[in-house]
Amino acid sequence: MNGALPFATTDVTRASRRRESAVRGLLGIVTALLILPLLAILGLLIRHGAPALTMDFLLTAPAAGMTAGGIFPTIVGTLWLVGVSLAVAAPIGVLAAIYLNEYAGDHWGTRIVNLAIVNLAGVPSIVHALFGVGAFVLFLHLGTSILSASLTLAIMTLPVIIASTKEALAAVPMSFRQACWVLGASRWQTIRHVVLPNSIQGILTGVILQVSRAAGETAPVMFTGAAFYLPFLPQSVHDQCMALSMHLFTLSTQVPGVPEALPYATALVLVGLVMSVNLTSIVLRSYLRSRRKW
């Protein structure tokens, strides 16, 4: 061996390590660049909106033709829209994903359904808004209401929940299912007690993405349930409501004489609401991941 160590580092190994370090550094730079736009947006919102962000702003209604006052009705309305749409979309999306992944085989029927889900995810939100007007407001006679707007948002966000749930279910090892079947468990018992508990993280990801998108959409709620201004809070799903996204659009484009800080403060509250939901989901997923045994 001419005195050479059997496991000595060769020139090829050193070159490979240098390339790996270079690629790792490049990927790190790209990741950092992804964060910069978010920091820039947050910095701009905080700089212009923080002076108006007070408790009175959060807990009072708009006043003086929306040039003063707060955004409390819009926060309540947004919670109504997100809550009702989540109550509709989450069960349907999860059950559809369970059927497609656990029961339906790979044949032309399921391929058509999967293609429809992918196409539905690519439909622009304004098209969903027009569908909501035709299907829920006019055809089902639900009127412009929270229910109509929430159903429109639910249809718009269903593909996200279905896709993320399918991926989470498929990530559970098949050996888990086979072990249950050998012990005599039915397919549904296996799904309920083994598959779903071990895929809850991915399911939560889809649900949280649904919440984030539903809270920030303007067009679907503008035509189906959101009002320009309401002097009262909604009492049921058959009432109209104000929404943060719609209110931000109104302040920015429709109301003259609005103080500069008001739109920025409204946007800051909307972004903060979405970020708080995402943070809650991250904490919950970390807790569930720590309890997983595989």
Protein backbone atom coordinates (compact mmCIF):
# COMPACT_ATOMS: atom_id res chain seq x y z
CA MET A 1 0.00 0.00 0.00
CA ASN A 2 3.13 2.20 -0.13
CA GLY A 3 2.50 3.56 3.38
CA ALA A 4 -0.87 5.13 2.46
CA LEU A 5 -3.70 4.91 4.97
CA PRO A 6 -6.56 2.64 3.79
CA PHE A 7 -9.20 5.30 4.51
CA ALA A 8 -7.27 8.44 3.66
CA THR A 9 -9.17 11.27 2.00
CA THR A 10 -8.54 11.33 -1.74
CA ASP A 11 -8.62 14.25 -4.14
CA VAL A 12 -11.94 13.04 -5.55
CA THR A 13 -13.49 12.98 -2.06
CA ARG A 14 -12.22 16.46 -1.28
CA ALA A 15 -13.59 17.80 -4.56
CA SER A 16 -16.97 16.20 -3.85
CA ARG A 17 -17.07 17.78 -0.40
CA ARG A 18 -16.22 21.19 -1.86
CA ARG A 19 -19.05 20.88 -4.39
CA GLU A 20 -21.43 19.79 -1.65
CA SER A 21 -20.45 22.79 0.50
CA ALA A 22 -20.94 25.13 -2.47
CA VAL A 23 -24.38 23.70 -3.24
CA ARG A 24 -25.36 23.88 0.43
CA GLY A 25 -24.29 27.51 0.59
CA LEU A 26 -26.20 28.33 -2.60
CA LEU A 27 -29.36 26.69 -1.25
CA GLY A 28 -28.94 28.60 2.01
CA ILE A 29 -28.72 31.89 0.11
CA VAL A 30 -31.84 31.06 -1.89
CA THR A 31 -33.69 30.21 1.32
CA ALA A 32 -32.62 33.50 2.89
CA LEU A 33 -33.80 35.38 -0.21
CA LEU A 34 -37.25 33.83 0.24
CA ILE A 35 -37.49 35.39 3.69
CA LEU A 36 -36.49 38.89 2.59
CA PRO A 37 -39.78 39.77 0.83
CA LEU A 38 -41.75 38.73 3.92
CA LEU A 39 -39.53 40.83 6.16
CA ALA A 40 -39.85 43.78 3.78
CA ILE A 41 -43.64 43.53 3.73
CA LEU A 42 -43.85 43.23 7.50
CA GLY A 43 -41.46 46.12 7.95
CA LEU A 44 -43.52 48.33 5.66
CA LEU A 45 -46.78 47.42 7.40
CA ILE A 46 -45.33 47.95 10.87
CA ARG A 47 -43.74 51.25 9.91
CA HIS A 48 -46.94 52.76 8.49
CA GLY A 49 -49.61 50.86 10.42
CA ALA A 50 -48.26 50.57 13.96
CA PRO A 51 -49.27 54.14 14.98
CA ALA A 52 -52.94 53.32 14.31
CA LEU A 53 -52.86 49.85 15.90
CA THR A 54 -54.55 50.49 19.25
CA MET A 55 -57.18 48.71 21.32
CA ASP A 56 -59.79 51.22 20.15
CA PHE A 57 -58.87 50.37 16.57
CA LEU A 58 -59.36 46.65 17.24
CA LEU A 59 -62.53 46.91 19.34
CA THR A 60 -64.59 49.66 17.68
CA ALA A 61 -66.54 49.90 14.43
CA PRO A 62 -65.67 52.12 11.46
CA ALA A 63 -66.89 55.70 11.80
CA ALA A 64 -67.05 58.97 9.84
CA GLY A 65 -67.53 57.24 6.51
CA MET A 66 -64.76 54.71 7.32
CA THR A 67 -62.17 57.46 7.68
CA ALA A 68 -62.00 56.88 11.44
CA GLY A 69 -62.89 54.24 14.01
CA GLY A 70 -61.78 50.63 14.06
CA ILE A 71 -62.20 47.24 12.42
CA PHE A 72 -63.96 45.09 15.03
CA PRO A 73 -66.90 44.13 12.73
CA THR A 74 -64.47 43.05 10.03
CA ILE A 75 -62.58 40.78 12.44
CA VAL A 76 -65.85 39.18 13.60
CA GLY A 77 -67.01 38.75 10.01
CA THR A 78 -63.72 37.17 8.95
CA LEU A 79 -63.97 34.69 11.83
CA TRP A 80 -67.51 33.83 10.73
CA LEU A 81 -66.43 33.22 7.13
CA VAL A 82 -63.35 31.19 8.04
CA GLY A 83 -65.18 29.15 10.68
CA VAL A 84 -68.17 28.20 8.54
CA SER A 85 -66.06 27.44 5.46
CA LEU A 86 -63.75 25.30 7.58
CA ALA A 87 -66.70 23.40 9.07
CA VAL A 88 -67.85 22.57 5.53
CA ALA A 89 -64.56 22.00 3.70
CA ALA A 90 -62.56 20.05 6.30
CA PRO A 91 -64.91 17.05 6.76
CA ILE A 92 -65.68 16.78 3.04
CA GLY A 93 -62.03 17.14 2.04
CA VAL A 94 -60.73 14.64 4.58
CA LEU A 95 -63.42 12.05 3.79
CA ALA A 96 -62.85 12.44 0.04
CA ALA A 97 -59.11 11.95 0.52
CA ILE A 98 -59.71 8.86 2.67
CA TYR A 99 -61.89 7.33 -0.03
CA LEU A 100 -59.47 8.15 -2.85
CA ASN A 101 -56.41 6.85 -1.00
CA GLU A 102 -57.80 3.93 1.01
CA TYR A 103 -60.82 2.59 -0.87
CA ALA A 104 -60.82 3.62 -4.52
CA GLY A 105 -58.46 1.75 -6.79
CA ASP A 106 -56.39 3.12 -9.62
CA HIS A 107 -58.86 3.15 -12.54
CA TRP A 108 -60.25 5.64 -15.02
CA GLY A 109 -62.90 6.92 -12.59
CA THR A 110 -60.43 7.91 -9.87
CA ARG A 111 -58.06 9.37 -12.46
CA ILE A 112 -60.86 11.64 -13.67
CA VAL A 113 -61.63 12.68 -10.08
CA ASN A 114 -57.96 13.44 -9.40
CA LEU A 115 -57.76 15.45 -12.62
CA ALA A 116 -60.86 17.39 -11.57
CA ILE A 117 -59.29 18.17 -8.19
CA VAL A 118 -56.12 19.46 -9.84
CA ASN A 119 -58.13 21.60 -12.28
CA LEU A 120 -60.30 22.95 -9.45
CA ALA A 121 -57.16 24.08 -7.64
CA GLY A 122 -56.17 26.12 -10.68
CA VAL A 123 -59.46 27.97 -11.14
CA PRO A 124 -59.05 31.72 -10.41
CA SER A 125 -60.84 33.04 -7.35
CA ILE A 126 -63.00 35.41 -9.42
CA VAL A 127 -64.43 32.40 -11.26
CA HIS A 128 -65.25 30.79 -7.92
CA ALA A 129 -66.98 34.04 -6.98
CA LEU A 130 -69.18 33.96 -10.09
CA PHE A 131 -69.98 30.30 -9.44
CA GLY A 132 -70.94 31.15 -5.86
CA VAL A 133 -73.29 33.87 -7.06
CA GLY A 134 -74.97 31.57 -9.55
CA ALA A 135 -75.09 28.41 -7.43
CA PHE A 136 -75.69 29.64 -3.89
CA VAL A 137 -77.02 33.19 -4.10
CA LEU A 138 -79.40 32.71 -7.05
CA PHE A 139 -80.07 29.00 -7.63
CA LEU A 140 -80.30 27.86 -3.99
CA HIS A 141 -81.81 31.21 -2.93
CA LEU A 142 -79.40 31.63 -0.02
CA GLY A 143 -78.96 35.30 -0.85
CA THR A 144 -75.84 37.35 -0.16
CA SER A 145 -74.98 35.88 3.21
CA ILE A 146 -72.24 34.34 5.29
CA LEU A 147 -73.45 30.91 4.23
CA SER A 148 -73.14 31.67 0.51
CA ALA A 149 -69.70 33.20 0.93
CA SER A 150 -68.49 30.35 3.16
CA LEU A 151 -69.70 27.67 0.76
CA THR A 152 -67.87 29.44 -2.05
CA LEU A 153 -64.69 29.56 0.03
CA ALA A 154 -65.13 25.90 0.96
CA ILE A 155 -65.30 24.81 -2.69
CA MET A 156 -62.28 26.97 -3.51
CA THR A 157 -60.14 25.45 -0.74
CA LEU A 158 -61.24 21.81 -1.06
CA PRO A 159 -58.38 20.81 -3.42
CA VAL A 160 -55.77 21.92 -0.89
CA ILE A 161 -57.31 19.83 1.90
CA ILE A 162 -57.81 16.79 -0.33
CA ALA A 163 -54.29 16.88 -1.75
CA SER A 164 -52.54 17.37 1.59
CA THR A 165 -54.66 14.70 3.28
CA LYS A 166 -53.94 12.19 0.51
CA GLU A 167 -50.21 12.79 0.83
CA ALA A 168 -50.41 12.40 4.61
CA LEU A 169 -52.36 9.14 4.34
CA ALA A 170 -49.99 7.76 1.70
CA ALA A 171 -47.01 8.51 3.98
CA VAL A 172 -48.25 6.03 6.60
CA PRO A 173 -46.36 2.75 5.98
CA MET A 174 -48.41 -0.03 4.40
CA SER A 175 -47.00 -2.42 7.00
CA PHE A 176 -49.15 -0.67 9.62
CA ARG A 177 -52.28 -1.51 7.66
CA GLN A 178 -51.18 -5.07 6.98
CA ALA A 179 -50.47 -5.69 10.66
CA CYS A 180 -53.99 -4.55 11.56
CA TRP A 181 -55.58 -6.67 8.86
CA VAL A 182 -53.67 -9.75 10.03
CA LEU A 183 -55.07 -9.19 13.52
CA GLY A 184 -58.61 -9.13 12.11
CA ALA A 185 -59.31 -5.39 12.06
CA SER A 186 -61.57 -4.08 9.33
CA ARG A 187 -60.43 -1.49 6.84
CA TRP A 188 -62.34 1.30 8.59
CA GLN A 189 -61.02 0.28 12.02
CA THR A 190 -57.50 0.40 10.61
CA ILE A 191 -58.07 3.84 9.11
CA ARG A 192 -59.72 5.22 12.25
CA HIS A 193 -57.32 3.90 14.87
CA VAL A 194 -54.01 3.67 13.00
CA VAL A 195 -53.87 5.60 9.72
CA LEU A 196 -55.61 8.82 10.74
CA PRO A 197 -53.74 9.31 14.05
CA ASN A 198 -50.42 8.87 12.24
CA SER A 199 -51.33 11.28 9.43
CA ILE A 200 -52.88 14.09 11.49
CA GLN A 201 -49.88 16.37 10.88
CA GLY A 202 -50.39 16.45 7.13
CA ILE A 203 -54.12 16.84 7.52
CA LEU A 204 -53.57 19.85 9.79
CA THR A 205 -51.29 21.35 7.15
CA GLY A 206 -54.08 21.31 4.58
CA VAL A 207 -56.61 22.68 7.04
CA ILE A 208 -54.33 25.56 8.06
CA LEU A 209 -53.65 26.41 4.42
CA GLN A 210 -57.42 26.51 3.95
CA VAL A 211 -57.80 28.92 6.85
CA SER A 212 -55.03 31.19 5.55
CA ARG A 213 -56.44 31.35 2.04
CA ALA A 214 -60.04 31.81 3.17
CA ALA A 215 -59.07 34.69 5.44
CA GLY A 216 -57.27 36.55 2.67
CA GLU A 217 -59.65 36.12 -0.27
CA THR A 218 -61.61 39.14 -1.49
CA ALA A 219 -63.39 38.30 -4.75
CA PRO A 220 -65.36 35.23 -3.53
CA VAL A 221 -66.77 37.07 -0.52
CA MET A 222 -67.26 40.40 -2.30
CA PHE A 223 -70.03 39.02 -4.51
CA THR A 224 -71.56 36.47 -2.18
CA GLY A 225 -71.66 37.71 1.39
CA ALA A 226 -69.38 40.59 2.37
CA ALA A 227 -70.89 44.04 2.81
CA PHE A 228 -69.34 47.45 2.25
CA TYR A 229 -70.47 48.56 5.71
CA LEU A 230 -72.79 47.13 8.34
CA PRO A 231 -73.86 48.93 11.53
CA PHE A 232 -74.42 45.61 13.35
CA LEU A 233 -72.65 42.31 13.92
CA PRO A 234 -73.97 39.17 12.17
CA GLN A 235 -76.25 36.99 14.25
CA SER A 236 -76.51 33.93 11.99
CA VAL A 237 -75.12 32.47 8.78
CA HIS A 238 -77.99 34.07 6.86
CA ASP A 239 -76.74 37.59 7.59
CA GLN A 240 -74.16 39.54 5.67
CA CYS A 241 -70.89 40.52 7.30
CA MET A 242 -67.87 42.70 6.84
CA ALA A 243 -64.52 41.05 6.13
CA LEU A 244 -60.95 42.17 6.65
CA SER A 245 -59.89 41.55 3.04
CA MET A 246 -62.94 43.36 1.65
CA HIS A 247 -62.51 46.22 4.11
CA LEU A 248 -58.86 46.62 3.14
CA PHE A 249 -59.81 46.77 -0.53
CA THR A 250 -62.52 49.32 0.26
CA LEU A 251 -60.23 51.57 2.28
CA SER A 252 -57.50 51.43 -0.35
CA THR A 253 -59.63 52.11 -3.44
CA GLN A 254 -63.14 53.30 -2.64
CA VAL A 255 -63.07 55.70 0.31
CA PRO A 256 -61.53 59.16 -0.14
CA GLY A 257 -59.76 60.94 2.67
CA VAL A 258 -58.68 57.81 4.59
CA PRO A 259 -55.67 58.41 6.85
CA GLU A 260 -52.60 56.66 5.50
CA ALA A 261 -52.17 54.53 8.62
CA LEU A 262 -55.63 52.89 8.49
CA PRO A 263 -55.12 50.62 5.44
CA TYR A 264 -51.68 49.61 6.67
CA ALA A 265 -52.99 48.82 10.14
CA THR A 266 -55.83 46.76 8.64
CA ALA A 267 -53.37 44.83 6.50
CA LEU A 268 -51.14 44.30 9.54
CA VAL A 269 -54.06 42.80 11.48
CA LEU A 270 -54.92 40.49 8.56
CA VAL A 271 -51.33 39.30 8.19
CA GLY A 272 -51.03 38.90 11.95
CA LEU A 273 -54.20 36.81 12.06
CA VAL A 274 -52.93 34.48 9.35
CA MET A 275 -49.47 34.23 10.94
CA SER A 276 -50.94 33.46 14.36
CA VAL A 277 -53.00 30.62 12.88
CA ASN A 278 -49.91 29.25 11.13
CA LEU A 279 -47.85 29.53 14.32
CA THR A 280 -50.52 27.65 16.25
CA SER A 281 -50.49 24.89 13.66
CA ILE A 282 -46.68 24.63 13.80
CA VAL A 283 -46.76 24.24 17.58
CA LEU A 284 -49.55 21.66 17.36
CA ARG A 285 -47.77 19.67 14.65
CA SER A 286 -44.55 19.68 16.67
CA TYR A 287 -46.43 18.34 19.67
CA LEU A 288 -48.08 15.60 17.60
CA ARG A 289 -44.76 14.71 15.96
CA SER A 290 -43.18 14.24 19.37
CA ARG A 291 -45.89 11.75 20.29
CA ARG A 292 -45.49 9.72 17.10
CA LYS A 293 -43.77 6.41 17.59
CA TRP A 294 -42.33 5.89 14.12
